[in-house]
Amino acid sequence: MQRSGQYIWVVLAAGLLTLALAACGQIITYPTPTPSPTPTVGVTASATVPPTATPAPLTPLPSATPTITPTPVIYKVKAGDNLLAIAQHYGVTAEAIQEANGVTDPRKLMIDQELLIPFDTSAPKDPPTPTPIPLHYEIMGLNFQTSPSGRLWVLGEVENTAGVHLYQVQFAVSLFNKAGELLAFTTGTTELDVVPKGGRAPFALSFDKPIDKFDTYQTVPLRGLPATRLGTFYLDLEIVSSQGEARGHASYSVSGRLRNAGDQPAKDIRVVVTGYDAAGKVAAVRKVAPAVDQLAPGRSTEFEINLLSTAGTVVTYTLQAQGLGETAK
């Protein structure tokens, strides 16, 4: 098939870019979590909104699972470990491990902390046998829109089918013309740090290269690590009430109240709203801090979010909230 070579190039390029992007992420330590409800509330807007034409659906190419060679290795820190010894074992530099995991102080590794080992092309002293990480999530609800500045955006959601929470979820979206030639691609992650087990998380990605027209697109999952322990991620934030109101064809307002339903103080709280059009496609995404972004257990705060969409009128929405808890001991 003529396009196969271009697809492989795209996937390889996206995979390499993903490994580079991982340098910006943060690997956390993991305590045993308290079971928590999935903080998602969907509300159907009661406001009457004017109808809008649904953009003609694109013909998606098959979403292939990429083959990224070599495959990253996840190492769990044991008692007595230090960053230099781990790096020497896998034949990489300590600096590479620090960059891949956001480790600012290598002296403060913690037992059971999981580290992503970025594969180095140099031969390791003790070569690991990497095991591919299953990517159990689906990319869905894609909607393309052009901002007033002319930048092309793609909106959508990731649905977690892994049976556990996922974090560091990354994926690629590629655009092609009728001849199957690559026009542009972008990689990104979700607006939520953790995609809850059985839940969804929205995303909004932009293409740096101006694109006037494209004919097909392809979505490729690149990465998704199981968060069997939540560590400092805090999901015990409950949306207790919300209301939505259409304010014109392209504007929608959502307000409400959230509560810390867990037993730990929560900080750096963020509320994510996903707006959907009449066809169920993602029409708008936004993440904001509530009025108070640090809450003691049982306390609540208000939030208000204004959505703007050029990809269709928002008629329904969902809300999710996440934050950070206490650092694992």
C-alpha atoms as a PDB file:
ATOM      1  CA  MET A   1       0.000   0.000   0.000  1.00  0.00           C
ATOM      2  CA  GLN A   2       1.547   3.311  -1.008  1.00  0.00           C
ATOM      3  CA  ARG A   3       0.975   5.002   2.304  1.00  0.00           C
ATOM      4  CA  SER A   4       2.525   2.292   4.512  1.00  0.00           C
ATOM      5  CA  GLY A   5       6.033   3.728   4.323  1.00  0.00           C
ATOM      6  CA  GLN A   6       4.789   7.168   5.285  1.00  0.00           C
ATOM      7  CA  TYR A   7       2.806   5.696   8.186  1.00  0.00           C
ATOM      8  CA  ILE A   8       5.846   3.921   9.569  1.00  0.00           C
ATOM      9  CA  TRP A   9       7.858   7.155   9.271  1.00  0.00           C
ATOM     10  CA  VAL A  10       5.162   9.078  11.094  1.00  0.00           C
ATOM     11  CA  VAL A  11       4.923   6.516  13.885  1.00  0.00           C
ATOM     12  CA  LEU A  12       8.695   6.322  14.315  1.00  0.00           C
ATOM     13  CA  ALA A  13       8.984  10.108  14.330  1.00  0.00           C
ATOM     14  CA  ALA A  14       6.147  10.433  16.795  1.00  0.00           C
ATOM     15  CA  GLY A  15       7.648   7.703  18.993  1.00  0.00           C
ATOM     16  CA  LEU A  16      11.033   9.448  19.111  1.00  0.00           C
ATOM     17  CA  LEU A  17       9.338  12.768  19.821  1.00  0.00           C
ATOM     18  CA  THR A  18       7.356  11.123  22.606  1.00  0.00           C
ATOM     19  CA  LEU A  19      10.524   9.900  24.300  1.00  0.00           C
ATOM     20  CA  ALA A  20      11.791  13.451  24.180  1.00  0.00           C
ATOM     21  CA  LEU A  21       8.538  14.809  25.550  1.00  0.00           C
ATOM     22  CA  ALA A  22       8.749  12.357  28.428  1.00  0.00           C
ATOM     23  CA  ALA A  23      11.626  14.427  29.663  1.00  0.00           C
ATOM     24  CA  CYS A  24       9.111  17.075  30.609  1.00  0.00           C
ATOM     25  CA  GLY A  25       6.939  14.739  32.642  1.00  0.00           C
ATOM     26  CA  GLN A  26       7.121  13.987  36.290  1.00  0.00           C
ATOM     27  CA  ILE A  27       7.371  10.498  37.768  1.00  0.00           C
ATOM     28  CA  ILE A  28       5.826  10.295  41.185  1.00  0.00           C
ATOM     29  CA  THR A  29       6.122   8.053  44.204  1.00  0.00           C
ATOM     30  CA  TYR A  30       3.301   5.695  44.984  1.00  0.00           C
ATOM     31  CA  PRO A  31       1.537   5.075  48.310  1.00  0.00           C
ATOM     32  CA  THR A  32      -1.382   2.662  48.550  1.00  0.00           C
ATOM     33  CA  PRO A  33      -4.439   4.694  47.442  1.00  0.00           C
ATOM     34  CA  THR A  34      -7.804   4.953  49.086  1.00  0.00           C
ATOM     35  CA  PRO A  35     -10.524   3.832  46.632  1.00  0.00           C
ATOM     36  CA  SER A  36     -12.120   6.935  45.215  1.00  0.00           C
ATOM     37  CA  PRO A  37     -15.105   7.719  43.033  1.00  0.00           C
ATOM     38  CA  THR A  38     -14.542   8.726  39.443  1.00  0.00           C
ATOM     39  CA  PRO A  39     -14.994  12.513  39.634  1.00  0.00           C
ATOM     40  CA  THR A  40     -17.067  12.849  36.488  1.00  0.00           C
ATOM     41  CA  VAL A  41     -20.449  14.516  36.248  1.00  0.00           C
ATOM     42  CA  GLY A  42     -22.278  14.841  32.956  1.00  0.00           C
ATOM     43  CA  VAL A  43     -25.061  17.368  32.641  1.00  0.00           C
ATOM     44  CA  THR A  44     -27.302  18.006  29.693  1.00  0.00           C
ATOM     45  CA  ALA A  45     -27.762  21.698  29.066  1.00  0.00           C
ATOM     46  CA  SER A  46     -31.372  22.799  29.249  1.00  0.00           C
ATOM     47  CA  ALA A  47     -30.842  25.991  27.264  1.00  0.00           C
ATOM     48  CA  THR A  48     -32.224  26.165  23.753  1.00  0.00           C
ATOM     49  CA  VAL A  49     -29.391  26.730  21.314  1.00  0.00           C
ATOM     50  CA  PRO A  50     -29.531  27.432  17.585  1.00  0.00           C
ATOM     51  CA  PRO A  51     -28.741  24.445  15.336  1.00  0.00           C
ATOM     52  CA  THR A  52     -25.412  24.311  13.559  1.00  0.00           C
ATOM     53  CA  ALA A  53     -24.200  22.305  10.607  1.00  0.00           C
ATOM     54  CA  THR A  54     -22.190  19.241  11.623  1.00  0.00           C
ATOM     55  CA  PRO A  55     -18.821  19.238   9.847  1.00  0.00           C
ATOM     56  CA  ALA A  56     -18.537  16.510   7.246  1.00  0.00           C
ATOM     57  CA  PRO A  57     -16.908  13.499   8.896  1.00  0.00           C
ATOM     58  CA  LEU A  58     -13.427  12.659   7.773  1.00  0.00           C
ATOM     59  CA  THR A  59     -12.483   9.136   6.778  1.00  0.00           C
ATOM     60  CA  PRO A  60     -10.087   8.016   9.503  1.00  0.00           C
ATOM     61  CA  LEU A  61      -7.223   5.709   8.706  1.00  0.00           C
ATOM     62  CA  PRO A  62      -6.813   2.633  10.916  1.00  0.00           C
ATOM     63  CA  SER A  63      -5.385   3.577  14.292  1.00  0.00           C
ATOM     64  CA  ALA A  64      -2.360   1.329  14.400  1.00  0.00           C
ATOM     65  CA  THR A  65      -0.473   0.383  17.551  1.00  0.00           C
ATOM     66  CA  PRO A  66       3.012   1.749  16.969  1.00  0.00           C
ATOM     67  CA  THR A  67       6.176  -0.297  17.132  1.00  0.00           C
ATOM     68  CA  ILE A  68       8.638   1.877  18.990  1.00  0.00           C
ATOM     69  CA  THR A  69      12.102   0.392  19.069  1.00  0.00           C
ATOM     70  CA  PRO A  70      13.641   0.185  21.490  1.00  0.00           C
ATOM     71  CA  THR A  71      10.898  -0.104  24.117  1.00  0.00           C
ATOM     72  CA  PRO A  72      11.317   1.866  27.362  1.00  0.00           C
ATOM     73  CA  VAL A  73      11.844  -0.036  30.597  1.00  0.00           C
ATOM     74  CA  ILE A  74      10.119   0.739  33.904  1.00  0.00           C
ATOM     75  CA  TYR A  75      12.376   0.178  36.929  1.00  0.00           C
ATOM     76  CA  LYS A  76      11.093   0.082  40.520  1.00  0.00           C
ATOM     77  CA  VAL A  77      13.523   1.522  43.057  1.00  0.00           C
ATOM     78  CA  LYS A  78      14.688  -0.888  45.782  1.00  0.00           C
ATOM     79  CA  ALA A  79      16.360  -0.315  49.122  1.00  0.00           C
ATOM     80  CA  GLY A  80      20.004   0.685  48.648  1.00  0.00           C
ATOM     81  CA  ASP A  81      19.563   1.879  45.065  1.00  0.00           C
ATOM     82  CA  ASN A  82      21.042   5.107  43.790  1.00  0.00           C
ATOM     83  CA  LEU A  83      20.591   6.832  40.463  1.00  0.00           C
ATOM     84  CA  LEU A  84      24.161   6.289  39.280  1.00  0.00           C
ATOM     85  CA  ALA A  85      24.043   2.536  39.916  1.00  0.00           C
ATOM     86  CA  ILE A  86      20.692   2.220  38.122  1.00  0.00           C
ATOM     87  CA  ALA A  87      22.037   4.185  35.161  1.00  0.00           C
ATOM     88  CA  GLN A  88      25.184   2.042  34.950  1.00  0.00           C
ATOM     89  CA  HIS A  89      23.106  -1.136  35.089  1.00  0.00           C
ATOM     90  CA  TYR A  90      21.078  -0.128  32.039  1.00  0.00           C
ATOM     91  CA  GLY A  91      23.902   1.551  30.159  1.00  0.00           C
ATOM     92  CA  VAL A  92      22.400   5.034  30.181  1.00  0.00           C
ATOM     93  CA  THR A  93      23.427   8.231  31.893  1.00  0.00           C
ATOM     94  CA  ALA A  94      22.052   9.357  35.231  1.00  0.00           C
ATOM     95  CA  GLU A  95      21.197  12.680  33.598  1.00  0.00           C
ATOM     96  CA  ALA A  96      19.027  10.900  31.006  1.00  0.00           C
ATOM     97  CA  ILE A  97      17.041   9.161  33.751  1.00  0.00           C
ATOM     98  CA  GLN A  98      16.644  12.436  35.626  1.00  0.00           C
ATOM     99  CA  GLU A  99      15.365  14.220  32.533  1.00  0.00           C
ATOM    100  CA  ALA A 100      12.973  11.395  31.599  1.00  0.00           C
ATOM    101  CA  ASN A 101      11.418  11.354  35.073  1.00  0.00           C
ATOM    102  CA  GLY A 102      11.629  14.957  36.234  1.00  0.00           C
ATOM    103  CA  VAL A 103      13.964  14.025  39.099  1.00  0.00           C
ATOM    104  CA  THR A 104      15.368  17.266  40.492  1.00  0.00           C
ATOM    105  CA  ASP A 105      17.314  15.749  43.395  1.00  0.00           C
ATOM    106  CA  PRO A 106      18.806  12.284  42.675  1.00  0.00           C
ATOM    107  CA  ARG A 107      19.522  11.840  46.391  1.00  0.00           C
ATOM    108  CA  LYS A 108      15.816  11.638  47.163  1.00  0.00           C
ATOM    109  CA  LEU A 109      14.791   8.460  45.354  1.00  0.00           C
ATOM    110  CA  MET A 110      12.128   6.543  47.240  1.00  0.00           C
ATOM    111  CA  ILE A 111      11.540   2.820  47.621  1.00  0.00           C
ATOM    112  CA  ASP A 112       8.980   1.529  45.075  1.00  0.00           C
ATOM    113  CA  GLN A 113       9.314   4.715  43.008  1.00  0.00           C
ATOM    114  CA  GLU A 114       8.946   3.797  39.341  1.00  0.00           C
ATOM    115  CA  LEU A 115      11.501   5.209  36.906  1.00  0.00           C
ATOM    116  CA  LEU A 116      11.268   5.256  33.139  1.00  0.00           C
ATOM    117  CA  ILE A 117      14.609   4.102  31.731  1.00  0.00           C
ATOM    118  CA  PRO A 118      15.196   5.800  28.378  1.00  0.00           C
ATOM    119  CA  PHE A 119      16.929   3.325  26.088  1.00  0.00           C
ATOM    120  CA  ASP A 120      20.378   4.382  24.942  1.00  0.00           C
ATOM    121  CA  THR A 121      21.901   3.243  21.670  1.00  0.00           C
ATOM    122  CA  SER A 122      25.160   2.484  23.470  1.00  0.00           C
ATOM    123  CA  ALA A 123      25.540  -1.123  24.609  1.00  0.00           C
ATOM    124  CA  PRO A 124      24.574  -1.597  28.279  1.00  0.00           C
ATOM    125  CA  LYS A 125      26.780  -3.568  30.610  1.00  0.00           C
ATOM    126  CA  ASP A 126      23.816  -5.748  31.542  1.00  0.00           C
ATOM    127  CA  PRO A 127      21.337  -5.495  28.630  1.00  0.00           C
ATOM    128  CA  PRO A 128      17.693  -5.454  29.805  1.00  0.00           C
ATOM    129  CA  THR A 129      14.967  -7.425  28.095  1.00  0.00           C
ATOM    130  CA  PRO A 130      12.295  -4.786  27.505  1.00  0.00           C
ATOM    131  CA  THR A 131       8.656  -5.754  27.676  1.00  0.00           C
ATOM    132  CA  PRO A 132       6.207  -3.730  25.544  1.00  0.00           C
ATOM    133  CA  ILE A 133       3.696  -1.759  27.604  1.00  0.00           C
ATOM    134  CA  PRO A 134       0.104  -2.495  26.505  1.00  0.00           C
ATOM    135  CA  LEU A 135      -1.694   0.682  25.494  1.00  0.00           C
ATOM    136  CA  HIS A 136      -5.243  -0.011  26.581  1.00  0.00           C
ATOM    137  CA  TYR A 137      -7.026   3.167  25.614  1.00  0.00           C
ATOM    138  CA  GLU A 138      -8.995   4.491  22.688  1.00  0.00           C
ATOM    139  CA  ILE A 139      -8.874   7.914  21.032  1.00  0.00           C
ATOM    140  CA  MET A 140     -12.380   9.067  20.157  1.00  0.00           C
ATOM    141  CA  GLY A 141     -14.756  11.960  19.477  1.00  0.00           C
ATOM    142  CA  LEU A 142     -12.307  13.851  17.272  1.00  0.00           C
ATOM    143  CA  ASN A 143     -13.351  17.291  16.093  1.00  0.00           C
ATOM    144  CA  PHE A 144     -11.218  19.708  14.080  1.00  0.00           C
ATOM    145  CA  GLN A 145     -11.557  23.464  14.358  1.00  0.00           C
ATOM    146  CA  THR A 146      -9.659  26.543  13.226  1.00  0.00           C
ATOM    147  CA  SER A 147      -9.106  29.315  15.746  1.00  0.00           C
ATOM    148  CA  PRO A 148      -9.594  32.982  14.838  1.00  0.00           C
ATOM    149  CA  SER A 149      -5.798  33.237  14.521  1.00  0.00           C
ATOM    150  CA  GLY A 150      -5.833  30.534  11.841  1.00  0.00           C
ATOM    151  CA  ARG A 151      -4.324  27.725  13.928  1.00  0.00           C
ATOM    152  CA  LEU A 152      -5.819  24.262  13.383  1.00  0.00           C
ATOM    153  CA  TRP A 153      -6.849  22.388  16.527  1.00  0.00           C
ATOM    154  CA  VAL A 154      -7.999  18.825  17.087  1.00  0.00           C
ATOM    155  CA  LEU A 155     -10.247  18.079  20.069  1.00  0.00           C
ATOM    156  CA  GLY A 156     -11.186  14.666  21.389  1.00  0.00           C
ATOM    157  CA  GLU A 157     -11.103  12.225  24.278  1.00  0.00           C
ATOM    158  CA  VAL A 158      -9.120   9.253  25.490  1.00  0.00           C
ATOM    159  CA  GLU A 159     -11.171   6.366  26.890  1.00  0.00           C
ATOM    160  CA  ASN A 160      -9.331   4.186  29.407  1.00  0.00           C
ATOM    161  CA  THR A 161     -10.042   0.453  28.860  1.00  0.00           C
ATOM    162  CA  ALA A 162      -7.019  -0.811  30.805  1.00  0.00           C
ATOM    163  CA  GLY A 163      -8.801  -1.773  34.036  1.00  0.00           C
ATOM    164  CA  VAL A 164      -6.464   0.509  36.049  1.00  0.00           C
ATOM    165  CA  HIS A 165      -5.831   4.241  36.174  1.00  0.00           C
ATOM    166  CA  LEU A 166      -3.429   5.500  33.485  1.00  0.00           C
ATOM    167  CA  TYR A 167      -0.998   8.403  33.569  1.00  0.00           C
ATOM    168  CA  GLN A 168       1.503   9.915  31.131  1.00  0.00           C
ATOM    169  CA  VAL A 169      -0.907   9.111  28.307  1.00  0.00           C
ATOM    170  CA  GLN A 170       0.526  10.352  24.998  1.00  0.00           C
ATOM    171  CA  PHE A 171      -0.641   9.942  21.414  1.00  0.00           C
ATOM    172  CA  ALA A 172      -0.159  11.319  17.904  1.00  0.00           C
ATOM    173  CA  VAL A 173      -2.569  12.718  15.301  1.00  0.00           C
ATOM    174  CA  SER A 174      -1.450  12.850  11.646  1.00  0.00           C
ATOM    175  CA  LEU A 175      -3.047  14.568   8.656  1.00  0.00           C
ATOM    176  CA  PHE A 176      -2.806  13.383   5.024  1.00  0.00           C
ATOM    177  CA  ASN A 177      -3.922  14.505   1.582  1.00  0.00           C
ATOM    178  CA  LYS A 178      -5.799  12.355  -0.953  1.00  0.00           C
ATOM    179  CA  ALA A 179      -2.558  10.822  -2.172  1.00  0.00           C
ATOM    180  CA  GLY A 180      -1.695   9.675   1.348  1.00  0.00           C
ATOM    181  CA  GLU A 181       1.110  12.163   1.717  1.00  0.00           C
ATOM    182  CA  LEU A 182       1.810  13.424   5.212  1.00  0.00           C
ATOM    183  CA  LEU A 183       0.829  17.058   5.683  1.00  0.00           C
ATOM    184  CA  ALA A 184       1.342  17.497   9.423  1.00  0.00           C
ATOM    185  CA  PHE A 185       1.319  15.673  12.710  1.00  0.00           C
ATOM    186  CA  THR A 186       1.214  16.600  16.369  1.00  0.00           C
ATOM    187  CA  THR A 187       1.631  14.752  19.643  1.00  0.00           C
ATOM    188  CA  GLY A 188       0.163  15.505  23.028  1.00  0.00           C
ATOM    189  CA  THR A 189      -1.466  14.311  26.203  1.00  0.00           C
ATOM    190  CA  THR A 190      -4.767  14.690  28.025  1.00  0.00           C
ATOM    191  CA  GLU A 191      -5.925  17.625  30.144  1.00  0.00           C
ATOM    192  CA  LEU A 192      -6.084  15.281  33.152  1.00  0.00           C
ATOM    193  CA  ASP A 193      -2.876  13.911  34.670  1.00  0.00           C
ATOM    194  CA  VAL A 194      -4.646  10.620  35.371  1.00  0.00           C
ATOM    195  CA  VAL A 195      -7.226   9.035  33.075  1.00  0.00           C
ATOM    196  CA  PRO A 196      -9.475   7.220  35.575  1.00  0.00           C
ATOM    197  CA  LYS A 197     -10.134   3.506  35.239  1.00  0.00           C
ATOM    198  CA  GLY A 198     -13.077   3.069  32.876  1.00  0.00           C
ATOM    199  CA  GLY A 199     -13.299   6.838  32.379  1.00  0.00           C
ATOM    200  CA  ARG A 200     -12.409   9.421  29.776  1.00  0.00           C
ATOM    201  CA  ALA A 201     -10.174  12.479  29.617  1.00  0.00           C
ATOM    202  CA  PRO A 202     -10.307  15.238  26.990  1.00  0.00           C
ATOM    203  CA  PHE A 203      -7.517  16.796  24.983  1.00  0.00           C
ATOM    204  CA  ALA A 204      -6.988  19.822  22.750  1.00  0.00           C
ATOM    205  CA  LEU A 205      -3.939  19.770  20.443  1.00  0.00           C
ATOM    206  CA  SER A 206      -2.814  22.259  17.829  1.00  0.00           C
ATOM    207  CA  PHE A 207      -0.770  21.852  14.653  1.00  0.00           C
ATOM    208  CA  ASP A 208       2.212  24.181  14.353  1.00  0.00           C
ATOM    209  CA  LYS A 209       2.219  23.997  10.556  1.00  0.00           C
ATOM    210  CA  PRO A 210      -0.658  25.921   8.875  1.00  0.00           C
ATOM    211  CA  ILE A 211      -3.032  23.482   7.157  1.00  0.00           C
ATOM    212  CA  ASP A 212      -5.651  24.774   4.729  1.00  0.00           C
ATOM    213  CA  LYS A 213      -7.099  21.392   3.780  1.00  0.00           C
ATOM    214  CA  PHE A 214      -6.581  17.709   4.510  1.00  0.00           C
ATOM    215  CA  ASP A 215      -8.471  14.573   3.489  1.00  0.00           C
ATOM    216  CA  THR A 216      -7.751  11.866   6.059  1.00  0.00           C
ATOM    217  CA  TYR A 217      -6.280  11.587   9.506  1.00  0.00           C
ATOM    218  CA  GLN A 218      -4.763   8.895  11.706  1.00  0.00           C
ATOM    219  CA  THR A 219      -4.582   8.590  15.486  1.00  0.00           C
ATOM    220  CA  VAL A 220      -1.827   6.525  17.075  1.00  0.00           C
ATOM    221  CA  PRO A 221      -1.489   5.720  20.813  1.00  0.00           C
ATOM    222  CA  LEU A 222       2.107   6.155  21.933  1.00  0.00           C
ATOM    223  CA  ARG A 223       2.211   5.733  25.664  1.00  0.00           C
ATOM    224  CA  GLY A 224       0.087   5.066  28.754  1.00  0.00           C
ATOM    225  CA  LEU A 225       1.548   3.941  32.068  1.00  0.00           C
ATOM    226  CA  PRO A 226      -0.553   2.047  34.638  1.00  0.00           C
ATOM    227  CA  ALA A 227      -0.988   3.948  37.890  1.00  0.00           C
ATOM    228  CA  THR A 228      -1.626   1.002  40.196  1.00  0.00           C
ATOM    229  CA  ARG A 229      -0.813   3.389  43.035  1.00  0.00           C
ATOM    230  CA  LEU A 230      -1.837   7.009  42.787  1.00  0.00           C
ATOM    231  CA  GLY A 231       1.048   8.551  44.688  1.00  0.00           C
ATOM    232  CA  THR A 232       0.597  12.300  44.968  1.00  0.00           C
ATOM    233  CA  PHE A 233      -2.206  12.364  42.407  1.00  0.00           C
ATOM    234  CA  TYR A 234      -5.471  13.055  44.229  1.00  0.00           C
ATOM    235  CA  LEU A 235      -8.811  12.018  42.724  1.00  0.00           C
ATOM    236  CA  ASP A 236     -11.140  12.269  45.736  1.00  0.00           C
ATOM    237  CA  LEU A 237     -12.696  15.493  44.465  1.00  0.00           C
ATOM    238  CA  GLU A 238     -16.460  15.371  43.966  1.00  0.00           C
ATOM    239  CA  ILE A 239     -18.538  17.690  41.800  1.00  0.00           C
ATOM    240  CA  VAL A 240     -21.554  18.221  44.068  1.00  0.00           C
ATOM    241  CA  SER A 241     -23.502  20.599  41.816  1.00  0.00           C
ATOM    242  CA  SER A 242     -23.229  22.286  38.433  1.00  0.00           C
ATOM    243  CA  GLN A 243     -25.247  24.199  35.880  1.00  0.00           C
ATOM    244  CA  GLY A 244     -24.607  25.136  32.265  1.00  0.00           C
ATOM    245  CA  GLU A 245     -25.931  27.953  30.135  1.00  0.00           C
ATOM    246  CA  ALA A 246     -25.527  28.733  26.440  1.00  0.00           C
ATOM    247  CA  ARG A 247     -24.490  32.319  25.784  1.00  0.00           C
ATOM    248  CA  GLY A 248     -24.788  32.617  22.060  1.00  0.00           C
ATOM    249  CA  HIS A 249     -23.808  30.263  19.281  1.00  0.00           C
ATOM    250  CA  ALA A 250     -20.164  29.720  20.274  1.00  0.00           C
ATOM    251  CA  SER A 251     -20.132  30.503  23.998  1.00  0.00           C
ATOM    252  CA  TYR A 252     -21.144  28.331  26.942  1.00  0.00           C
ATOM    253  CA  SER A 253     -20.785  28.914  30.689  1.00  0.00           C
ATOM    254  CA  VAL A 254     -20.489  26.229  33.374  1.00  0.00           C
ATOM    255  CA  SER A 255     -20.456  26.889  37.112  1.00  0.00           C
ATOM    256  CA  GLY A 256     -20.756  24.728  40.193  1.00  0.00           C
ATOM    257  CA  ARG A 257     -19.247  23.507  43.422  1.00  0.00           C
ATOM    258  CA  LEU A 258     -16.744  20.752  44.220  1.00  0.00           C
ATOM    259  CA  ARG A 259     -15.864  19.098  47.521  1.00  0.00           C
ATOM    260  CA  ASN A 260     -12.856  17.263  48.878  1.00  0.00           C
ATOM    261  CA  ALA A 261     -14.480  13.885  49.553  1.00  0.00           C
ATOM    262  CA  GLY A 262     -11.263  12.208  50.705  1.00  0.00           C
ATOM    263  CA  ASP A 263      -9.279  12.118  53.941  1.00  0.00           C
ATOM    264  CA  GLN A 264      -6.257  14.157  52.810  1.00  0.00           C
ATOM    265  CA  PRO A 265      -5.750  17.840  52.089  1.00  0.00           C
ATOM    266  CA  ALA A 266      -5.810  18.552  48.355  1.00  0.00           C
ATOM    267  CA  LYS A 267      -3.810  21.228  46.542  1.00  0.00           C
ATOM    268  CA  ASP A 268      -3.241  22.426  42.970  1.00  0.00           C
ATOM    269  CA  ILE A 269      -6.841  21.494  42.158  1.00  0.00           C
ATOM    270  CA  ARG A 270      -7.961  21.814  38.560  1.00  0.00           C
ATOM    271  CA  VAL A 271     -11.450  21.454  37.096  1.00  0.00           C
ATOM    272  CA  VAL A 272     -11.740  20.217  33.499  1.00  0.00           C
ATOM    273  CA  VAL A 273     -14.914  20.736  31.489  1.00  0.00           C
ATOM    274  CA  THR A 274     -15.576  18.926  28.210  1.00  0.00           C
ATOM    275  CA  GLY A 275     -18.290  20.368  25.990  1.00  0.00           C
ATOM    276  CA  TYR A 276     -20.026  18.233  23.354  1.00  0.00           C
ATOM    277  CA  ASP A 277     -22.032  19.144  20.273  1.00  0.00           C
ATOM    278  CA  ALA A 278     -25.330  17.531  19.234  1.00  0.00           C
ATOM    279  CA  ALA A 279     -23.443  14.675  17.511  1.00  0.00           C
ATOM    280  CA  GLY A 280     -21.520  13.829  20.683  1.00  0.00           C
ATOM    281  CA  LYS A 281     -18.202  15.155  19.388  1.00  0.00           C
ATOM    282  CA  VAL A 282     -15.923  17.213  21.607  1.00  0.00           C
ATOM    283  CA  ALA A 283     -16.616  20.857  20.755  1.00  0.00           C
ATOM    284  CA  ALA A 284     -14.688  22.627  23.546  1.00  0.00           C
ATOM    285  CA  VAL A 285     -12.233  21.814  26.341  1.00  0.00           C
ATOM    286  CA  ARG A 286     -10.963  23.967  29.174  1.00  0.00           C
ATOM    287  CA  LYS A 287      -9.100  23.498  32.458  1.00  0.00           C
ATOM    288  CA  VAL A 288      -9.228  26.088  35.259  1.00  0.00           C
ATOM    289  CA  ALA A 289      -8.443  26.458  38.938  1.00  0.00           C
ATOM    290  CA  PRO A 290     -11.484  26.808  41.246  1.00  0.00           C
ATOM    291  CA  ALA A 291     -11.962  29.792  43.537  1.00  0.00           C
ATOM    292  CA  VAL A 292      -9.856  27.977  46.167  1.00  0.00           C
ATOM    293  CA  ASP A 293      -7.325  25.449  44.857  1.00  0.00           C
ATOM    294  CA  GLN A 294      -6.383  23.998  48.264  1.00  0.00           C
ATOM    295  CA  LEU A 295      -9.031  22.151  50.252  1.00  0.00           C
ATOM    296  CA  ALA A 296      -9.023  20.352  53.584  1.00  0.00           C
ATOM    297  CA  PRO A 297     -11.041  17.113  53.791  1.00  0.00           C
ATOM    298  CA  GLY A 298     -14.768  17.832  53.682  1.00  0.00           C
ATOM    299  CA  ARG A 299     -14.357  21.432  52.495  1.00  0.00           C
ATOM    300  CA  SER A 300     -15.790  22.738  49.232  1.00  0.00           C
ATOM    301  CA  THR A 301     -15.260  25.585  46.770  1.00  0.00           C
ATOM    302  CA  GLU A 302     -16.948  27.111  43.757  1.00  0.00           C
ATOM    303  CA  PHE A 303     -15.805  27.258  40.145  1.00  0.00           C
ATOM    304  CA  GLU A 304     -16.862  28.957  36.926  1.00  0.00           C
ATOM    305  CA  ILE A 305     -15.698  28.118  33.407  1.00  0.00           C
ATOM    306  CA  ASN A 306     -16.458  29.836  30.116  1.00  0.00           C
ATOM    307  CA  LEU A 307     -16.166  27.766  26.943  1.00  0.00           C
ATOM    308  CA  LEU A 308     -15.636  29.076  23.422  1.00  0.00           C
ATOM    309  CA  SER A 309     -16.130  26.791  20.425  1.00  0.00           C
ATOM    310  CA  THR A 310     -15.793  27.163  16.670  1.00  0.00           C
ATOM    311  CA  ALA A 311     -16.356  23.436  16.113  1.00  0.00           C
ATOM    312  CA  GLY A 312     -20.086  23.362  16.860  1.00  0.00           C
ATOM    313  CA  THR A 313     -22.546  24.510  19.497  1.00  0.00           C
ATOM    314  CA  VAL A 314     -22.053  23.013  22.976  1.00  0.00           C
ATOM    315  CA  VAL A 315     -25.236  21.281  24.136  1.00  0.00           C
ATOM    316  CA  THR A 316     -23.936  18.947  26.878  1.00  0.00           C
ATOM    317  CA  TYR A 317     -20.854  18.778  29.073  1.00  0.00           C
ATOM    318  CA  THR A 318     -18.966  16.691  31.635  1.00  0.00           C
ATOM    319  CA  LEU A 319     -16.879  17.853  34.575  1.00  0.00           C
ATOM    320  CA  GLN A 320     -13.858  16.292  36.247  1.00  0.00           C
ATOM    321  CA  ALA A 321     -11.541  17.462  39.005  1.00  0.00           C
ATOM    322  CA  GLN A 322      -8.097  16.328  40.075  1.00  0.00           C
ATOM    323  CA  GLY A 323      -5.328  17.635  42.276  1.00  0.00           C
ATOM    324  CA  LEU A 324      -2.320  16.675  44.326  1.00  0.00           C
ATOM    325  CA  GLY A 325      -2.326  15.174  47.806  1.00  0.00           C
ATOM    326  CA  GLU A 326       0.370  14.605  50.373  1.00  0.00           C
ATOM    327  CA  THR A 327       3.785  13.434  49.202  1.00  0.00           C
ATOM    328  CA  ALA A 328       4.292   9.715  49.654  1.00  0.00           C
ATOM    329  CA  LYS A 329       6.370   8.763  52.651  1.00  0.00           C
END
